[in-house]
């Protein structure tokens, strides 16, 4: 069992937040392609669901990142941090 990576120290604020934003964007795109489309039948949201589904996916992706994500933000952060040093 893999544990989620620990977030960088608090002194790395803006770079860490950008890495988290990139992870959330990636996850939102993966959710879009996951095949979970509009609901059929009486519980379906119709055209509104199609138009506003992206907002739901973005909120879900942000919640996933806040809960630890998939570790992509950690890798992005480390890469950007290393690049900034050189």
PDB file of N, CA and C in Angstrom:
ATOM      1  N   UNK A   1       0.831  -1.171   0.000  1.00  0.00           N
ATOM      2  CA  UNK A   1       0.000   0.000   0.000  1.00  0.00           C
ATOM      3  C   UNK A   1       0.882   1.243   0.000  1.00  0.00           C
ATOM      4  N   UNK A   2       0.634   2.127  -0.948  1.00  0.00           N
ATOM      5  CA  UNK A   2       1.400   3.366  -1.034  1.00  0.00           C
ATOM      6  C   UNK A   2       0.709   4.462  -0.244  1.00  0.00           C
ATOM      7  N   UNK A   3       1.486   5.213   0.480  1.00  0.00           N
ATOM      8  CA  UNK A   3       0.950   6.349   1.200  1.00  0.00           C
ATOM      9  C   UNK A   3       1.078   7.589   0.324  1.00  0.00           C
ATOM     10  N   UNK A   4       0.122   8.531   0.417  1.00  0.00           N
ATOM     11  CA  UNK A   4       0.244   9.745  -0.382  1.00  0.00           C
ATOM     12  C   UNK A   4       1.465  10.535   0.044  1.00  0.00           C
ATOM     13  N   UNK A   5       2.129  11.200  -0.902  1.00  0.00           N
ATOM     14  CA  UNK A   5       3.318  11.968  -0.545  1.00  0.00           C
ATOM     15  C   UNK A   5       2.956  13.130   0.374  1.00  0.00           C
ATOM     16  N   UNK A   6       3.885  13.459   1.226  1.00  0.00           N
ATOM     17  CA  UNK A   6       3.626  14.582   2.126  1.00  0.00           C
ATOM     18  C   UNK A   6       3.824  15.883   1.365  1.00  0.00           C
ATOM     19  N   UNK A   7       2.974  16.877   1.637  1.00  0.00           N
ATOM     20  CA  UNK A   7       3.116  18.143   0.937  1.00  0.00           C
ATOM     21  C   UNK A   7       4.418  18.836   1.308  1.00  0.00           C
ATOM     22  N   UNK A   8       4.949  19.642   0.425  1.00  0.00           N
ATOM     23  CA  UNK A   8       6.176  20.370   0.729  1.00  0.00           C
ATOM     24  C   UNK A   8       5.973  21.331   1.891  1.00  0.00           C
ATOM     25  N   UNK A   9       7.061  21.886   2.362  1.00  0.00           N
ATOM     26  CA  UNK A   9       6.981  22.808   3.495  1.00  0.00           C
ATOM     27  C   UNK A   9       6.144  24.033   3.153  1.00  0.00           C
ATOM     28  N   UNK A  10       5.663  24.700   4.165  1.00  0.00           N
ATOM     29  CA  UNK A  10       4.758  25.832   3.985  1.00  0.00           C
ATOM     30  C   UNK A  10       5.419  26.997   3.256  1.00  0.00           C
ATOM     31  N   UNK A  11       6.734  27.081   3.252  1.00  0.00           N
ATOM     32  CA  UNK A  11       7.426  28.189   2.605  1.00  0.00           C
ATOM     33  C   UNK A  11       7.408  28.125   1.086  1.00  0.00           C
ATOM     34  N   UNK A  12       6.798  27.101   0.516  1.00  0.00           N
ATOM     35  CA  UNK A  12       6.789  26.936  -0.939  1.00  0.00           C
ATOM     36  C   UNK A  12       5.415  27.217  -1.525  1.00  0.00           C
ATOM     37  N   UNK A  13       4.652  28.064  -0.879  1.00  0.00           N
ATOM     38  CA  UNK A  13       3.263  28.340  -1.203  1.00  0.00           C
ATOM     39  C   UNK A  13       2.855  28.416  -2.663  1.00  0.00           C
ATOM     40  N   UNK A  14       3.231  29.455  -3.397  1.00  0.00           N
ATOM     41  CA  UNK A  14       2.696  29.636  -4.752  1.00  0.00           C
ATOM     42  C   UNK A  14       3.030  28.486  -5.704  1.00  0.00           C
ATOM     43  N   UNK A  15       4.244  27.977  -5.618  1.00  0.00           N
ATOM     44  CA  UNK A  15       4.655  26.887  -6.506  1.00  0.00           C
ATOM     45  C   UNK A  15       3.860  25.617  -6.199  1.00  0.00           C
ATOM     46  N   UNK A  16       3.643  25.343  -4.923  1.00  0.00           N
ATOM     47  CA  UNK A  16       2.871  24.165  -4.516  1.00  0.00           C
ATOM     48  C   UNK A  16       1.416  24.294  -4.960  1.00  0.00           C
ATOM     49  N   UNK A  17       0.844  25.500  -4.802  1.00  0.00           N
ATOM     50  CA  UNK A  17      -0.549  25.712  -5.233  1.00  0.00           C
ATOM     51  C   UNK A  17      -0.700  25.519  -6.736  1.00  0.00           C
ATOM     52  N   UNK A  18       0.258  25.990  -7.510  1.00  0.00           N
ATOM     53  CA  UNK A  18       0.201  25.804  -8.967  1.00  0.00           C
ATOM     54  C   UNK A  18       0.301  24.326  -9.327  1.00  0.00           C
ATOM     55  N   UNK A  19       1.145  23.593  -8.632  1.00  0.00           N
ATOM     56  CA  UNK A  19       1.263  22.155  -8.877  1.00  0.00           C
ATOM     57  C   UNK A  19      -0.057  21.452  -8.563  1.00  0.00           C
ATOM     58  N   UNK A  20      -0.723  21.875  -7.493  1.00  0.00           N
ATOM     59  CA  UNK A  20      -2.018  21.302  -7.147  1.00  0.00           C
ATOM     60  C   UNK A  20      -3.070  21.663  -8.197  1.00  0.00           C
ATOM     61  N   UNK A  21      -3.027  22.875  -8.707  1.00  0.00           N
ATOM     62  CA  UNK A  21      -3.959  23.283  -9.758  1.00  0.00           C
ATOM     63  C   UNK A  21      -3.769  22.427 -11.015  1.00  0.00           C
ATOM     64  N   UNK A  22      -2.518  22.157 -11.362  1.00  0.00           N
ATOM     65  CA  UNK A  22      -2.251  21.305 -12.526  1.00  0.00           C
ATOM     66  C   UNK A  22      -2.770  19.888 -12.310  1.00  0.00           C
ATOM     67  N   UNK A  23      -2.582  19.361 -11.096  1.00  0.00           N
ATOM     68  CA  UNK A  23      -3.102  18.029 -10.801  1.00  0.00           C
ATOM     69  C   UNK A  23      -4.629  18.016 -10.888  1.00  0.00           C
ATOM     70  N   UNK A  24      -5.264  19.057 -10.365  1.00  0.00           N
ATOM     71  CA  UNK A  24      -6.727  19.132 -10.417  1.00  0.00           C
ATOM     72  C   UNK A  24      -7.209  19.214 -11.869  1.00  0.00           C
ATOM     73  N   UNK A  25      -6.519  19.969 -12.708  1.00  0.00           N
ATOM     74  CA  UNK A  25      -6.891  20.054 -14.124  1.00  0.00           C
ATOM     75  C   UNK A  25      -6.768  18.695 -14.798  1.00  0.00           C
ATOM     76  N   UNK A  26      -5.686  17.998 -14.489  1.00  0.00           N
ATOM     77  CA  UNK A  26      -5.477  16.666 -15.049  1.00  0.00           C
ATOM     78  C   UNK A  26      -6.590  15.715 -14.608  1.00  0.00           C
ATOM     79  N   UNK A  27      -6.915  15.734 -13.321  1.00  0.00           N
ATOM     80  CA  UNK A  27      -7.951  14.844 -12.812  1.00  0.00           C
ATOM     81  C   UNK A  27      -9.319  15.180 -13.398  1.00  0.00           C
ATOM     82  N   UNK A  28      -9.617  16.464 -13.562  1.00  0.00           N
ATOM     83  CA  UNK A  28     -10.894  16.859 -14.166  1.00  0.00           C
ATOM     84  C   UNK A  28     -10.998  16.327 -15.591  1.00  0.00           C
ATOM     85  N   UNK A  29      -9.899  16.391 -16.313  1.00  0.00           N
ATOM     86  CA  UNK A  29      -9.896  15.871 -17.693  1.00  0.00           C
ATOM     87  C   UNK A  29     -10.070  14.353 -17.690  1.00  0.00           C
ATOM     88  N   UNK A  30      -9.441  13.672 -16.747  1.00  0.00           N
ATOM     89  CA  UNK A  30      -9.594  12.222 -16.658  1.00  0.00           C
ATOM     90  C   UNK A  30     -11.035  11.858 -16.287  1.00  0.00           C
ATOM     91  N   UNK A  31     -11.650  12.631 -15.415  1.00  0.00           N
ATOM     92  CA  UNK A  31     -13.052  12.388 -15.066  1.00  0.00           C
ATOM     93  C   UNK A  31     -13.955  12.596 -16.278  1.00  0.00           C
ATOM     94  N   UNK A  32     -13.619  13.578 -17.103  1.00  0.00           N
ATOM     95  CA  UNK A  32     -14.417  13.835 -18.306  1.00  0.00           C
ATOM     96  C   UNK A  32     -14.377  12.637 -19.241  1.00  0.00           C
ATOM     97  N   UNK A  33     -13.227  11.986 -19.317  1.00  0.00           N
ATOM     98  CA  UNK A  33     -13.063  10.851 -20.220  1.00  0.00           C
ATOM     99  C   UNK A  33     -13.385   9.510 -19.562  1.00  0.00           C
ATOM    100  N   UNK A  34     -13.842   9.541 -18.330  1.00  0.00           N
ATOM    101  CA  UNK A  34     -14.087   8.279 -17.606  1.00  0.00           C
ATOM    102  C   UNK A  34     -15.350   7.565 -18.053  1.00  0.00           C
ATOM    103  N   UNK A  35     -16.150   8.225 -18.862  1.00  0.00           N
ATOM    104  CA  UNK A  35     -17.362   7.578 -19.352  1.00  0.00           C
ATOM    105  C   UNK A  35     -18.580   7.850 -18.509  1.00  0.00           C
ATOM    106  N   UNK A  36     -18.441   8.619 -17.458  1.00  0.00           N
ATOM    107  CA  UNK A  36     -19.607   8.944 -16.646  1.00  0.00           C
ATOM    108  C   UNK A  36     -20.293  10.168 -17.249  1.00  0.00           C
ATOM    109  N   UNK A  37     -21.213   9.900 -18.141  1.00  0.00           N
ATOM    110  CA  UNK A  37     -21.913  10.968 -18.841  1.00  0.00           C
ATOM    111  C   UNK A  37     -23.186  11.366 -18.141  1.00  0.00           C
ATOM    112  N   UNK A  38     -24.041  12.108 -18.842  1.00  0.00           N
ATOM    113  CA  UNK A  38     -25.315  12.538 -18.261  1.00  0.00           C
ATOM    114  C   UNK A  38     -26.185  11.337 -17.869  1.00  0.00           C
ATOM    115  N   UNK A  39     -26.934  11.495 -16.796  1.00  0.00           N
ATOM    116  CA  UNK A  39     -27.821  10.434 -16.336  1.00  0.00           C
ATOM    117  C   UNK A  39     -29.034  10.314 -17.245  1.00  0.00           C
ATOM    118  N   UNK A  40     -29.506   9.111 -17.409  1.00  0.00           N
ATOM    119  CA  UNK A  40     -30.716   8.849 -18.198  1.00  0.00           C
ATOM    120  C   UNK A  40     -31.912   8.756 -17.258  1.00  0.00           C
ATOM    121  N   UNK A  41     -33.078   9.070 -17.745  1.00  0.00           N
ATOM    122  CA  UNK A  41     -34.300   8.878 -16.978  1.00  0.00           C
ATOM    123  C   UNK A  41     -34.672  10.079 -16.135  1.00  0.00           C
ATOM    124  N   UNK A  42     -35.567   9.853 -15.159  1.00  0.00           N
ATOM    125  CA  UNK A  42     -36.106  10.967 -14.377  1.00  0.00           C
ATOM    126  C   UNK A  42     -35.067  11.677 -13.512  1.00  0.00           C
ATOM    127  N   UNK A  43     -33.982  11.039 -13.176  1.00  0.00           N
ATOM    128  CA  UNK A  43     -32.952  11.676 -12.349  1.00  0.00           C
ATOM    129  C   UNK A  43     -31.944  12.456 -13.155  1.00  0.00           C
ATOM    130  N   UNK A  44     -32.044  12.361 -14.476  1.00  0.00           N
ATOM    131  CA  UNK A  44     -31.092  13.042 -15.349  1.00  0.00           C
ATOM    132  C   UNK A  44     -31.307  14.541 -15.355  1.00  0.00           C
ATOM    133  N   UNK A  45     -30.231  15.292 -15.593  1.00  0.00           N
ATOM    134  CA  UNK A  45     -30.295  16.743 -15.557  1.00  0.00           C
ATOM    135  C   UNK A  45     -30.536  17.397 -16.891  1.00  0.00           C
ATOM    136  N   UNK A  46     -30.689  16.606 -17.961  1.00  0.00           N
ATOM    137  CA  UNK A  46     -30.963  17.167 -19.278  1.00  0.00           C
ATOM    138  C   UNK A  46     -29.841  18.051 -19.781  1.00  0.00           C
ATOM    139  N   UNK A  47     -30.230  19.100 -20.491  1.00  0.00           N
ATOM    140  CA  UNK A  47     -29.230  19.972 -21.096  1.00  0.00           C
ATOM    141  C   UNK A  47     -28.406  20.715 -20.051  1.00  0.00           C
ATOM    142  N   UNK A  48     -29.013  21.026 -18.911  1.00  0.00           N
ATOM    143  CA  UNK A  48     -28.268  21.691 -17.844  1.00  0.00           C
ATOM    144  C   UNK A  48     -27.124  20.845 -17.332  1.00  0.00           C
ATOM    145  N   UNK A  49     -27.360  19.553 -17.254  1.00  0.00           N
ATOM    146  CA  UNK A  49     -26.309  18.645 -16.799  1.00  0.00           C
ATOM    147  C   UNK A  49     -25.159  18.631 -17.795  1.00  0.00           C
ATOM    148  N   UNK A  50     -25.469  18.654 -19.063  1.00  0.00           N
ATOM    149  CA  UNK A  50     -24.430  18.679 -20.087  1.00  0.00           C
ATOM    150  C   UNK A  50     -23.628  19.970 -20.011  1.00  0.00           C
ATOM    151  N   UNK A  51     -24.320  21.086 -19.819  1.00  0.00           N
ATOM    152  CA  UNK A  51     -23.655  22.383 -19.825  1.00  0.00           C
ATOM    153  C   UNK A  51     -22.837  22.648 -18.566  1.00  0.00           C
ATOM    154  N   UNK A  52     -23.297  22.155 -17.425  1.00  0.00           N
ATOM    155  CA  UNK A  52     -22.636  22.466 -16.161  1.00  0.00           C
ATOM    156  C   UNK A  52     -21.874  21.287 -15.565  1.00  0.00           C
ATOM    157  N   UNK A  53     -21.794  20.183 -16.285  1.00  0.00           N
ATOM    158  CA  UNK A  53     -21.067  19.015 -15.800  1.00  0.00           C
ATOM    159  C   UNK A  53     -19.600  19.302 -15.547  1.00  0.00           C
ATOM    160  N   UNK A  54     -19.018  20.222 -16.325  1.00  0.00           N
ATOM    161  CA  UNK A  54     -17.603  20.547 -16.145  1.00  0.00           C
ATOM    162  C   UNK A  54     -17.347  21.154 -14.767  1.00  0.00           C
ATOM    163  N   UNK A  55     -18.313  21.940 -14.264  1.00  0.00           N
ATOM    164  CA  UNK A  55     -18.147  22.529 -12.936  1.00  0.00           C
ATOM    165  C   UNK A  55     -18.115  21.443 -11.866  1.00  0.00           C
ATOM    166  N   UNK A  56     -18.950  20.434 -12.021  1.00  0.00           N
ATOM    167  CA  UNK A  56     -18.970  19.324 -11.069  1.00  0.00           C
ATOM    168  C   UNK A  56     -17.653  18.558 -11.122  1.00  0.00           C
ATOM    169  N   UNK A  57     -17.175  18.275 -12.344  1.00  0.00           N
ATOM    170  CA  UNK A  57     -15.903  17.550 -12.473  1.00  0.00           C
ATOM    171  C   UNK A  57     -14.747  18.337 -11.865  1.00  0.00           C
ATOM    172  N   UNK A  58     -14.735  19.647 -12.075  1.00  0.00           N
ATOM    173  CA  UNK A  58     -13.674  20.475 -11.495  1.00  0.00           C
ATOM    174  C   UNK A  58     -13.737  20.454  -9.968  1.00  0.00           C
ATOM    175  N   UNK A  59     -14.929  20.543  -9.411  1.00  0.00           N
ATOM    176  CA  UNK A  59     -15.079  20.498  -7.956  1.00  0.00           C
ATOM    177  C   UNK A  59     -14.654  19.140  -7.407  1.00  0.00           C
ATOM    178  N   UNK A  60     -15.017  18.073  -8.107  1.00  0.00           N
ATOM    179  CA  UNK A  60     -14.604  16.730  -7.678  1.00  0.00           C
ATOM    180  C   UNK A  60     -13.085  16.590  -7.731  1.00  0.00           C
ATOM    181  N   UNK A  61     -12.483  17.099  -8.798  1.00  0.00           N
ATOM    182  CA  UNK A  61     -11.028  17.008  -8.944  1.00  0.00           C
ATOM    183  C   UNK A  61     -10.323  17.801  -7.848  1.00  0.00           C
ATOM    184  N   UNK A  62     -10.826  18.996  -7.538  1.00  0.00           N
ATOM    185  CA  UNK A  62     -10.223  19.797  -6.466  1.00  0.00           C
ATOM    186  C   UNK A  62     -10.351  19.091  -5.118  1.00  0.00           C
ATOM    187  N   UNK A  63     -11.486  18.454  -4.883  1.00  0.00           N
ATOM    188  CA  UNK A  63     -11.666  17.709  -3.639  1.00  0.00           C
ATOM    189  C   UNK A  63     -10.706  16.527  -3.572  1.00  0.00           C
ATOM    190  N   UNK A  64     -10.478  15.882  -4.693  1.00  0.00           N
ATOM    191  CA  UNK A  64      -9.532  14.767  -4.734  1.00  0.00           C
ATOM    192  C   UNK A  64      -8.122  15.243  -4.381  1.00  0.00           C
ATOM    193  N   UNK A  65      -7.728  16.386  -4.933  1.00  0.00           N
ATOM    194  CA  UNK A  65      -6.392  16.927  -4.656  1.00  0.00           C
ATOM    195  C   UNK A  65      -6.267  17.300  -3.181  1.00  0.00           C
ATOM    196  N   UNK A  66      -7.294  17.920  -2.620  1.00  0.00           N
ATOM    197  CA  UNK A  66      -7.255  18.298  -1.203  1.00  0.00           C
ATOM    198  C   UNK A  66      -7.162  17.076  -0.299  1.00  0.00           C
ATOM    199  N   UNK A  67      -7.702  15.947  -0.767  1.00  0.00           N
ATOM    200  CA  UNK A  67      -7.674  14.714   0.021  1.00  0.00           C
ATOM    201  C   UNK A  67      -6.367  13.942  -0.173  1.00  0.00           C
ATOM    202  N   UNK A  68      -5.453  14.476  -0.949  1.00  0.00           N
ATOM    203  CA  UNK A  68      -4.168  13.808  -1.148  1.00  0.00           C
ATOM    204  C   UNK A  68      -3.857  13.533  -2.597  1.00  0.00           C
ATOM    205  N   UNK A  69      -4.869  13.556  -3.447  1.00  0.00           N
ATOM    206  CA  UNK A  69      -4.655  13.380  -4.879  1.00  0.00           C
ATOM    207  C   UNK A  69      -4.021  12.055  -5.239  1.00  0.00           C
ATOM    208  N   UNK A  70      -3.370  12.057  -6.384  1.00  0.00           N
ATOM    209  CA  UNK A  70      -2.709  10.846  -6.875  1.00  0.00           C
ATOM    210  C   UNK A  70      -1.185  10.988  -6.852  1.00  0.00           C
ATOM    211  N   UNK A  71      -0.709  12.082  -6.272  1.00  0.00           N
ATOM    212  CA  UNK A  71       0.734  12.297  -6.169  1.00  0.00           C
ATOM    213  C   UNK A  71       1.329  13.084  -7.322  1.00  0.00           C
ATOM    214  N   UNK A  72       0.520  13.464  -8.275  1.00  0.00           N
ATOM    215  CA  UNK A  72       1.028  14.196  -9.428  1.00  0.00           C
ATOM    216  C   UNK A  72       1.533  15.578  -9.028  1.00  0.00           C
ATOM    217  N   UNK A  73       0.836  16.257  -8.128  1.00  0.00           N
ATOM    218  CA  UNK A  73       1.265  17.587  -7.686  1.00  0.00           C
ATOM    219  C   UNK A  73       2.650  17.523  -7.052  1.00  0.00           C
ATOM    220  N   UNK A  74       2.905  16.488  -6.306  1.00  0.00           N
ATOM    221  CA  UNK A  74       4.222  16.315  -5.677  1.00  0.00           C
ATOM    222  C   UNK A  74       5.315  16.226  -6.741  1.00  0.00           C
ATOM    223  N   UNK A  75       5.081  15.438  -7.769  1.00  0.00           N
ATOM    224  CA  UNK A  75       6.076  15.278  -8.834  1.00  0.00           C
ATOM    225  C   UNK A  75       6.259  16.578  -9.625  1.00  0.00           C
ATOM    226  N   UNK A  76       5.158  17.245  -9.915  1.00  0.00           N
ATOM    227  CA  UNK A  76       5.233  18.526 -10.624  1.00  0.00           C
ATOM    228  C   UNK A  76       6.000  19.534  -9.782  1.00  0.00           C
ATOM    229  N   UNK A  77       5.674  19.594  -8.506  1.00  0.00           N
ATOM    230  CA  UNK A  77       6.342  20.540  -7.606  1.00  0.00           C
ATOM    231  C   UNK A  77       7.842  20.280  -7.562  1.00  0.00           C
ATOM    232  N   UNK A  78       8.217  19.027  -7.356  1.00  0.00           N
ATOM    233  CA  UNK A  78       9.652  18.689  -7.265  1.00  0.00           C
ATOM    234  C   UNK A  78      10.378  19.050  -8.558  1.00  0.00           C
ATOM    235  N   UNK A  79       9.751  18.806  -9.683  1.00  0.00           N
ATOM    236  CA  UNK A  79      10.358  19.130 -10.971  1.00  0.00           C
ATOM    237  C   UNK A  79      10.527  20.642 -11.138  1.00  0.00           C
ATOM    238  N   UNK A  80       9.484  21.405 -10.800  1.00  0.00           N
ATOM    239  CA  UNK A  80       9.567  22.863 -10.911  1.00  0.00           C
ATOM    240  C   UNK A  80      10.580  23.432  -9.934  1.00  0.00           C
ATOM    241  N   UNK A  81      10.611  22.872  -8.742  1.00  0.00           N
ATOM    242  CA  UNK A  81      11.553  23.334  -7.728  1.00  0.00           C
ATOM    243  C   UNK A  81      12.994  23.097  -8.173  1.00  0.00           C
ATOM    244  N   UNK A  82      13.238  21.926  -8.733  1.00  0.00           N
ATOM    245  CA  UNK A  82      14.580  21.594  -9.216  1.00  0.00           C
ATOM    246  C   UNK A  82      14.962  22.498 -10.391  1.00  0.00           C
ATOM    247  N   UNK A  83      14.019  22.755 -11.267  1.00  0.00           N
ATOM    248  CA  UNK A  83      14.273  23.616 -12.422  1.00  0.00           C
ATOM    249  C   UNK A  83      14.571  25.047 -11.992  1.00  0.00           C
ATOM    250  N   UNK A  84      13.910  25.494 -10.929  1.00  0.00           N
ATOM    251  CA  UNK A  84      14.128  26.857 -10.430  1.00  0.00           C
ATOM    252  C   UNK A  84      15.508  27.029  -9.825  1.00  0.00           C
ATOM    253  N   UNK A  85      16.079  25.972  -9.307  1.00  0.00           N
ATOM    254  CA  UNK A  85      17.409  26.031  -8.695  1.00  0.00           C
ATOM    255  C   UNK A  85      18.520  26.116  -9.721  1.00  0.00           C
ATOM    256  N   UNK A  86      18.268  25.611 -10.920  1.00  0.00           N
ATOM    257  CA  UNK A  86      19.337  25.579 -11.932  1.00  0.00           C
ATOM    258  C   UNK A  86      19.343  26.798 -12.803  1.00  0.00           C
TER     259      UNK A  86
END
